[in-house]
Amino acid sequence: MTCTRIAGGIVCTTPTFRPGDQAPSGYLAWHEWAEIQHKAGLRQKECGRCGKWKFPQQLSRQVDKREARSRKGPVLVESPVCLECVTLNAVAHRTP
């Protein structure tokens, strides 16, 4: 986001976002970006590791699978993993 001082205030402009673009940094820019993603039909999913809600372009191809118990027996639960969690896991398991 670019902000310019003018007499009596500040004018801030955000770049033009398209569906599928990566998330920008900054609070206001992120909300503008998220609105465009939502209008395009993209919906967020919850990361199975950190619990944060992410749009599809912020998720990795990795899926965590766990077995849960229900009244009817065991159930396989699959949850996507975000790019941040995959990166943190790769850094933590890197051998020097």
C-alpha atoms as a PDB file:
ATOM      1  CA  MET A   1       0.000   0.000   0.000  1.00  0.00           C
ATOM      2  CA  THR A   2       1.298   3.424  -0.928  1.00  0.00           C
ATOM      3  CA  CYS A   3       0.369   6.444   1.218  1.00  0.00           C
ATOM      4  CA  THR A   4       0.853  10.061   0.143  1.00  0.00           C
ATOM      5  CA  ARG A   5       0.557  13.116   2.367  1.00  0.00           C
ATOM      6  CA  ILE A   6      -1.710  15.860   1.071  1.00  0.00           C
ATOM      7  CA  ALA A   7      -2.892  19.074   2.663  1.00  0.00           C
ATOM      8  CA  GLY A   8      -5.292  18.065   5.406  1.00  0.00           C
ATOM      9  CA  GLY A   9      -4.683  14.307   5.376  1.00  0.00           C
ATOM     10  CA  ILE A  10      -3.192  11.197   3.828  1.00  0.00           C
ATOM     11  CA  VAL A  11      -4.315   9.348   0.694  1.00  0.00           C
ATOM     12  CA  CYS A  12      -3.583   5.620   0.614  1.00  0.00           C
ATOM     13  CA  THR A  13      -3.869   3.477  -2.514  1.00  0.00           C
ATOM     14  CA  THR A  14      -3.758  -0.293  -2.743  1.00  0.00           C
ATOM     15  CA  PRO A  15      -2.477  -2.245  -5.726  1.00  0.00           C
ATOM     16  CA  THR A  16      -4.954  -4.002  -7.993  1.00  0.00           C
ATOM     17  CA  PHE A  17      -5.388  -7.604  -6.857  1.00  0.00           C
ATOM     18  CA  ARG A  18      -6.614 -10.522  -8.951  1.00  0.00           C
ATOM     19  CA  PRO A  19      -8.055 -13.865  -7.834  1.00  0.00           C
ATOM     20  CA  GLY A  20      -5.257 -16.302  -7.073  1.00  0.00           C
ATOM     21  CA  ASP A  21      -2.636 -13.666  -6.176  1.00  0.00           C
ATOM     22  CA  GLN A  22      -0.514 -14.300  -3.092  1.00  0.00           C
ATOM     23  CA  ALA A  23      -1.467 -12.475   0.090  1.00  0.00           C
ATOM     24  CA  PRO A  24       0.153  -9.076   0.632  1.00  0.00           C
ATOM     25  CA  SER A  25       1.652  -7.894   3.896  1.00  0.00           C
ATOM     26  CA  GLY A  26      -0.176  -5.192   5.775  1.00  0.00           C
ATOM     27  CA  TYR A  27      -3.566  -5.143   7.415  1.00  0.00           C
ATOM     28  CA  LEU A  28      -5.533  -2.960   4.994  1.00  0.00           C
ATOM     29  CA  ALA A  29      -3.967  -4.470   1.870  1.00  0.00           C
ATOM     30  CA  TRP A  30      -4.747  -7.984   3.146  1.00  0.00           C
ATOM     31  CA  HIS A  31      -8.429  -7.140   3.635  1.00  0.00           C
ATOM     32  CA  GLU A  32      -8.678  -5.659   0.127  1.00  0.00           C
ATOM     33  CA  TRP A  33      -7.002  -8.796  -1.251  1.00  0.00           C
ATOM     34  CA  ALA A  34      -9.266 -11.122   0.783  1.00  0.00           C
ATOM     35  CA  GLU A  35     -12.388  -9.360  -0.504  1.00  0.00           C
ATOM     36  CA  ILE A  36     -11.279  -9.955  -4.121  1.00  0.00           C
ATOM     37  CA  GLN A  37     -10.568 -13.645  -3.380  1.00  0.00           C
ATOM     38  CA  HIS A  38     -13.984 -14.101  -1.751  1.00  0.00           C
ATOM     39  CA  LYS A  39     -15.834 -12.379  -4.611  1.00  0.00           C
ATOM     40  CA  ALA A  40     -14.072 -14.759  -7.026  1.00  0.00           C
ATOM     41  CA  GLY A  41     -15.531 -17.726  -5.147  1.00  0.00           C
ATOM     42  CA  LEU A  42     -12.394 -18.788  -3.278  1.00  0.00           C
ATOM     43  CA  ARG A  43     -13.107 -19.930   0.275  1.00  0.00           C
ATOM     44  CA  GLN A  44     -10.801 -20.362   3.214  1.00  0.00           C
ATOM     45  CA  LYS A  45      -9.951 -23.680   4.849  1.00  0.00           C
ATOM     46  CA  GLU A  46      -8.502 -24.218   8.302  1.00  0.00           C
ATOM     47  CA  CYS A  47      -4.885 -25.384   8.562  1.00  0.00           C
ATOM     48  CA  GLY A  48      -4.692 -28.646  10.499  1.00  0.00           C
ATOM     49  CA  ARG A  49      -1.540 -27.596  12.361  1.00  0.00           C
ATOM     50  CA  CYS A  50      -1.807 -23.913  13.310  1.00  0.00           C
ATOM     51  CA  GLY A  51      -5.601 -23.571  13.110  1.00  0.00           C
ATOM     52  CA  LYS A  52      -5.447 -20.392  10.996  1.00  0.00           C
ATOM     53  CA  TRP A  53      -7.856 -19.972   8.095  1.00  0.00           C
ATOM     54  CA  LYS A  54      -6.131 -19.724   4.695  1.00  0.00           C
ATOM     55  CA  PHE A  55      -7.175 -19.290   1.068  1.00  0.00           C
ATOM     56  CA  PRO A  56      -6.264 -22.128  -1.372  1.00  0.00           C
ATOM     57  CA  GLN A  57      -3.150 -20.358  -2.719  1.00  0.00           C
ATOM     58  CA  GLN A  58      -1.805 -20.195   0.861  1.00  0.00           C
ATOM     59  CA  LEU A  59      -2.146 -23.965   1.363  1.00  0.00           C
ATOM     60  CA  SER A  60       0.424 -26.610   0.447  1.00  0.00           C
ATOM     61  CA  ARG A  61      -0.336 -29.890  -1.301  1.00  0.00           C
ATOM     62  CA  GLN A  62       0.404 -31.694   1.954  1.00  0.00           C
ATOM     63  CA  VAL A  63      -2.559 -33.113   3.871  1.00  0.00           C
ATOM     64  CA  ASP A  64      -2.411 -34.386   7.447  1.00  0.00           C
ATOM     65  CA  LYS A  65      -4.464 -37.502   8.139  1.00  0.00           C
ATOM     66  CA  ARG A  66      -5.631 -38.511  11.609  1.00  0.00           C
ATOM     67  CA  GLU A  67      -7.938 -41.165  12.920  1.00  0.00           C
ATOM     68  CA  ALA A  68     -10.727 -39.933  15.177  1.00  0.00           C
ATOM     69  CA  ARG A  69     -13.369 -41.883  17.017  1.00  0.00           C
ATOM     70  CA  SER A  70     -17.090 -41.401  16.575  1.00  0.00           C
ATOM     71  CA  ARG A  71     -20.089 -43.252  17.921  1.00  0.00           C
ATOM     72  CA  LYS A  72     -20.081 -45.375  14.770  1.00  0.00           C
ATOM     73  CA  GLY A  73     -16.374 -46.222  14.973  1.00  0.00           C
ATOM     74  CA  PRO A  74     -13.081 -44.834  13.694  1.00  0.00           C
ATOM     75  CA  VAL A  75     -13.166 -41.983  11.152  1.00  0.00           C
ATOM     76  CA  LEU A  76     -10.284 -40.718   8.985  1.00  0.00           C
ATOM     77  CA  VAL A  77      -9.994 -36.909   9.227  1.00  0.00           C
ATOM     78  CA  GLU A  78      -7.977 -35.095   6.550  1.00  0.00           C
ATOM     79  CA  SER A  79      -6.873 -31.488   6.989  1.00  0.00           C
ATOM     80  CA  PRO A  80      -4.794 -29.253   4.685  1.00  0.00           C
ATOM     81  CA  VAL A  81      -1.492 -27.752   5.837  1.00  0.00           C
ATOM     82  CA  CYS A  82      -0.603 -24.108   5.129  1.00  0.00           C
ATOM     83  CA  LEU A  83       2.666 -23.064   3.490  1.00  0.00           C
ATOM     84  CA  GLU A  84       3.901 -21.429   6.711  1.00  0.00           C
ATOM     85  CA  CYS A  85       3.581 -24.679   8.703  1.00  0.00           C
ATOM     86  CA  VAL A  86       5.277 -26.723   5.972  1.00  0.00           C
ATOM     87  CA  THR A  87       8.167 -24.211   5.880  1.00  0.00           C
ATOM     88  CA  LEU A  88       8.500 -24.192   9.683  1.00  0.00           C
ATOM     89  CA  ASN A  89       8.506 -27.998   9.734  1.00  0.00           C
ATOM     90  CA  ALA A  90      11.193 -28.165   7.005  1.00  0.00           C
ATOM     91  CA  VAL A  91      13.417 -25.702   8.881  1.00  0.00           C
ATOM     92  CA  ALA A  92      12.956 -27.563  12.183  1.00  0.00           C
ATOM     93  CA  HIS A  93      13.893 -30.917  10.622  1.00  0.00           C
ATOM     94  CA  ARG A  94      16.823 -29.683   8.552  1.00  0.00           C
ATOM     95  CA  THR A  95      20.065 -31.517   9.342  1.00  0.00           C
ATOM     96  CA  PRO A  96      23.233 -29.375   9.466  1.00  0.00           C
END
